Amino acid sequence: MYPEHLVAPMRQELVEAGFEELRTPEEVEAFLDREGVLFIVINSVCGCAAASARPAAIMALAQSPYKPDHIATVFAGVDIEATKKVREYLLPYPPSSPSMALLKNRQLLHMIERHEIEGVPAEILAQRLTQLFEQYCKKD
């Protein structure tokens, strides 16, 4: 587990962008009960979270005309039980952080794993997220 003072700025980056922070399994369950499309970012202390994942998630939400109904984040390596609970809904994908997922009715719609984030410029990843938001969040 990482010390809170170390991860606080990394948490704050997504929280300031409007992400709800899920720190317990109960908070995860309550979030997953919500109606509509849910976007969850599994945050991490690694460089690809700082360089790509967090900035891309924030950019995509800012630039996309289509948005998930609810957005949240859990922090791998810190909020262990909350992250474990989220990952139950991301099967058959193995644990991966950072990662991002779109869900609806507790069903996984799309998963972006670490290997799809690592080394990808934030702008490119944001474009991909924007396309996914259009695909899954566009209201007919």
Protein backbone atom coordinates (compact mmCIF):
# COMPACT_ATOMS: atom_id res chain seq x y z
CA MET A 1 0.00 0.00 0.00
CA TYR A 2 1.22 3.46 -0.88
CA PRO A 3 1.32 6.27 1.69
CA GLU A 4 -1.63 8.65 1.42
CA HIS A 5 0.57 11.76 1.22
CA LEU A 6 2.21 10.29 -1.89
CA VAL A 7 -1.01 9.49 -3.75
CA ALA A 8 -3.08 12.51 -2.67
CA PRO A 9 -2.10 14.67 -5.69
CA MET A 10 -2.77 11.73 -8.04
CA ARG A 11 -6.22 11.24 -6.50
CA GLN A 12 -6.96 14.94 -6.64
CA GLU A 13 -6.28 15.19 -10.37
CA LEU A 14 -9.34 13.06 -11.19
CA VAL A 15 -11.48 14.34 -8.32
CA GLU A 16 -10.97 17.93 -9.47
CA ALA A 17 -12.13 16.83 -12.94
CA GLY A 18 -15.41 15.59 -11.46
CA PHE A 19 -14.66 11.94 -10.81
CA GLU A 20 -16.28 10.44 -7.75
CA GLU A 21 -13.76 8.66 -5.59
CA LEU A 22 -14.76 5.14 -4.56
CA ARG A 23 -12.77 4.03 -1.52
CA THR A 24 -14.81 1.12 -0.14
CA PRO A 25 -16.56 -1.92 -1.63
CA GLU A 26 -19.87 -0.45 -0.48
CA GLU A 27 -19.24 2.75 -2.41
CA VAL A 28 -18.40 0.65 -5.50
CA GLU A 29 -21.63 -1.34 -5.17
CA ALA A 30 -23.69 1.84 -4.79
CA PHE A 31 -22.01 3.34 -7.85
CA LEU A 32 -22.64 0.22 -9.93
CA ASP A 33 -26.34 0.37 -9.01
CA ARG A 34 -26.74 3.68 -10.84
CA GLU A 35 -28.67 3.96 -14.08
CA GLY A 36 -26.93 4.63 -17.36
CA VAL A 37 -23.38 4.27 -18.61
CA LEU A 38 -20.67 4.27 -15.96
CA PHE A 39 -17.02 5.15 -16.59
CA ILE A 40 -14.48 3.93 -14.05
CA VAL A 41 -10.77 4.72 -14.06
CA ILE A 42 -8.55 2.44 -12.02
CA ASN A 43 -5.88 4.92 -11.01
CA SER A 44 -2.24 4.06 -10.32
CA VAL A 45 1.03 5.63 -9.21
CA CYS A 46 2.83 4.52 -12.37
CA GLY A 47 4.12 6.83 -15.03
CA CYS A 48 1.59 5.73 -17.65
CA ALA A 49 -1.23 6.79 -15.31
CA ALA A 50 0.35 10.24 -14.97
CA ALA A 51 1.35 10.65 -18.62
CA SER A 52 -1.58 8.99 -20.37
CA ALA A 53 -4.49 7.58 -18.35
CA ARG A 54 -5.50 10.50 -16.14
CA PRO A 55 -4.91 13.23 -18.74
CA ALA A 56 -6.71 11.21 -21.45
CA ALA A 57 -9.75 10.58 -19.28
CA ILE A 58 -9.98 14.28 -18.43
CA MET A 59 -9.44 15.38 -22.05
CA ALA A 60 -12.03 12.94 -23.43
CA LEU A 61 -14.67 14.13 -20.99
CA ALA A 62 -13.91 17.76 -21.85
CA GLN A 63 -13.95 17.33 -25.62
CA SER A 64 -16.61 14.69 -26.22
CA PRO A 65 -20.19 15.73 -26.93
CA TYR A 66 -21.22 12.35 -25.50
CA LYS A 67 -20.54 11.63 -21.85
CA PRO A 68 -21.01 8.72 -19.51
CA ASP A 69 -23.84 9.26 -17.04
CA HIS A 70 -21.55 8.74 -14.05
CA ILE A 71 -17.76 8.79 -13.63
CA ALA A 72 -15.67 7.40 -10.79
CA THR A 73 -12.22 6.25 -9.86
CA VAL A 74 -10.60 3.73 -7.55
CA PHE A 75 -6.93 3.73 -6.67
CA ALA A 76 -5.09 0.44 -7.13
CA GLY A 77 -2.51 -0.24 -4.45
CA VAL A 78 -4.27 2.08 -2.02
CA ASP A 79 -8.00 1.36 -1.91
CA ILE A 80 -7.40 -2.37 -2.08
CA GLU A 81 -10.90 -3.66 -1.29
CA ALA A 82 -12.68 -1.11 -3.49
CA THR A 83 -10.38 -1.95 -6.40
CA LYS A 84 -10.93 -5.66 -5.82
CA LYS A 85 -14.71 -5.11 -5.93
CA VAL A 86 -14.51 -3.18 -9.22
CA ARG A 87 -12.34 -5.89 -10.74
CA GLU A 88 -15.02 -8.49 -10.03
CA TYR A 89 -17.08 -6.75 -12.71
CA LEU A 90 -14.20 -6.55 -15.19
CA LEU A 91 -13.75 -10.28 -15.65
CA PRO A 92 -12.49 -12.02 -17.72
CA TYR A 93 -9.84 -9.30 -17.84
CA PRO A 94 -6.98 -9.77 -15.38
CA PRO A 95 -6.13 -7.05 -12.86
CA SER A 96 -4.56 -4.12 -14.66
CA SER A 97 -3.68 -0.64 -13.49
CA PRO A 98 -4.12 1.85 -14.73
CA SER A 99 -7.15 0.76 -16.68
CA MET A 100 -10.53 2.14 -17.71
CA ALA A 101 -13.92 0.56 -18.13
CA LEU A 102 -17.39 1.42 -19.34
CA LEU A 103 -20.22 -0.48 -17.68
CA LYS A 104 -24.00 -0.49 -17.74
CA ASN A 105 -26.34 -2.49 -15.51
CA ARG A 106 -23.26 -4.04 -13.86
CA GLN A 107 -22.20 -5.41 -17.24
CA LEU A 108 -18.87 -4.60 -18.83
CA LEU A 109 -19.27 -2.74 -22.12
CA HIS A 110 -15.62 -2.02 -22.86
CA MET A 111 -12.27 -2.36 -21.11
CA ILE A 112 -8.98 -0.57 -21.76
CA GLU A 113 -6.11 -2.40 -20.11
CA ARG A 114 -2.72 -1.09 -19.04
CA HIS A 115 -0.99 -2.49 -22.13
CA GLU A 116 -3.35 -0.33 -24.24
CA ILE A 117 -2.41 2.76 -22.20
CA GLU A 118 1.31 2.38 -21.61
CA GLY A 119 3.32 4.41 -24.13
CA VAL A 120 0.23 5.85 -25.83
CA PRO A 121 0.12 9.66 -25.91
CA ALA A 122 -2.74 11.08 -23.87
CA GLU A 123 -4.20 12.79 -26.95
CA ILE A 124 -4.46 9.48 -28.84
CA LEU A 125 -5.99 7.72 -25.85
CA ALA A 126 -8.44 10.61 -25.41
CA GLN A 127 -9.52 10.21 -29.05
CA ARG A 128 -10.18 6.52 -28.44
CA LEU A 129 -12.20 7.31 -25.32
CA THR A 130 -14.17 9.94 -27.24
CA GLN A 131 -15.06 7.29 -29.85
CA LEU A 132 -16.11 4.89 -27.11
CA PHE A 133 -18.24 7.57 -25.46
CA GLU A 134 -19.98 8.16 -28.77
CA GLN A 135 -20.53 4.44 -29.24
CA TYR A 136 -21.88 3.74 -25.76
CA CYS A 137 -23.19 7.09 -24.44
CA LYS A 138 -24.94 8.57 -27.47
CA LYS A 139 -28.64 8.92 -26.70
CA ASP A 140 -30.85 8.05 -29.67
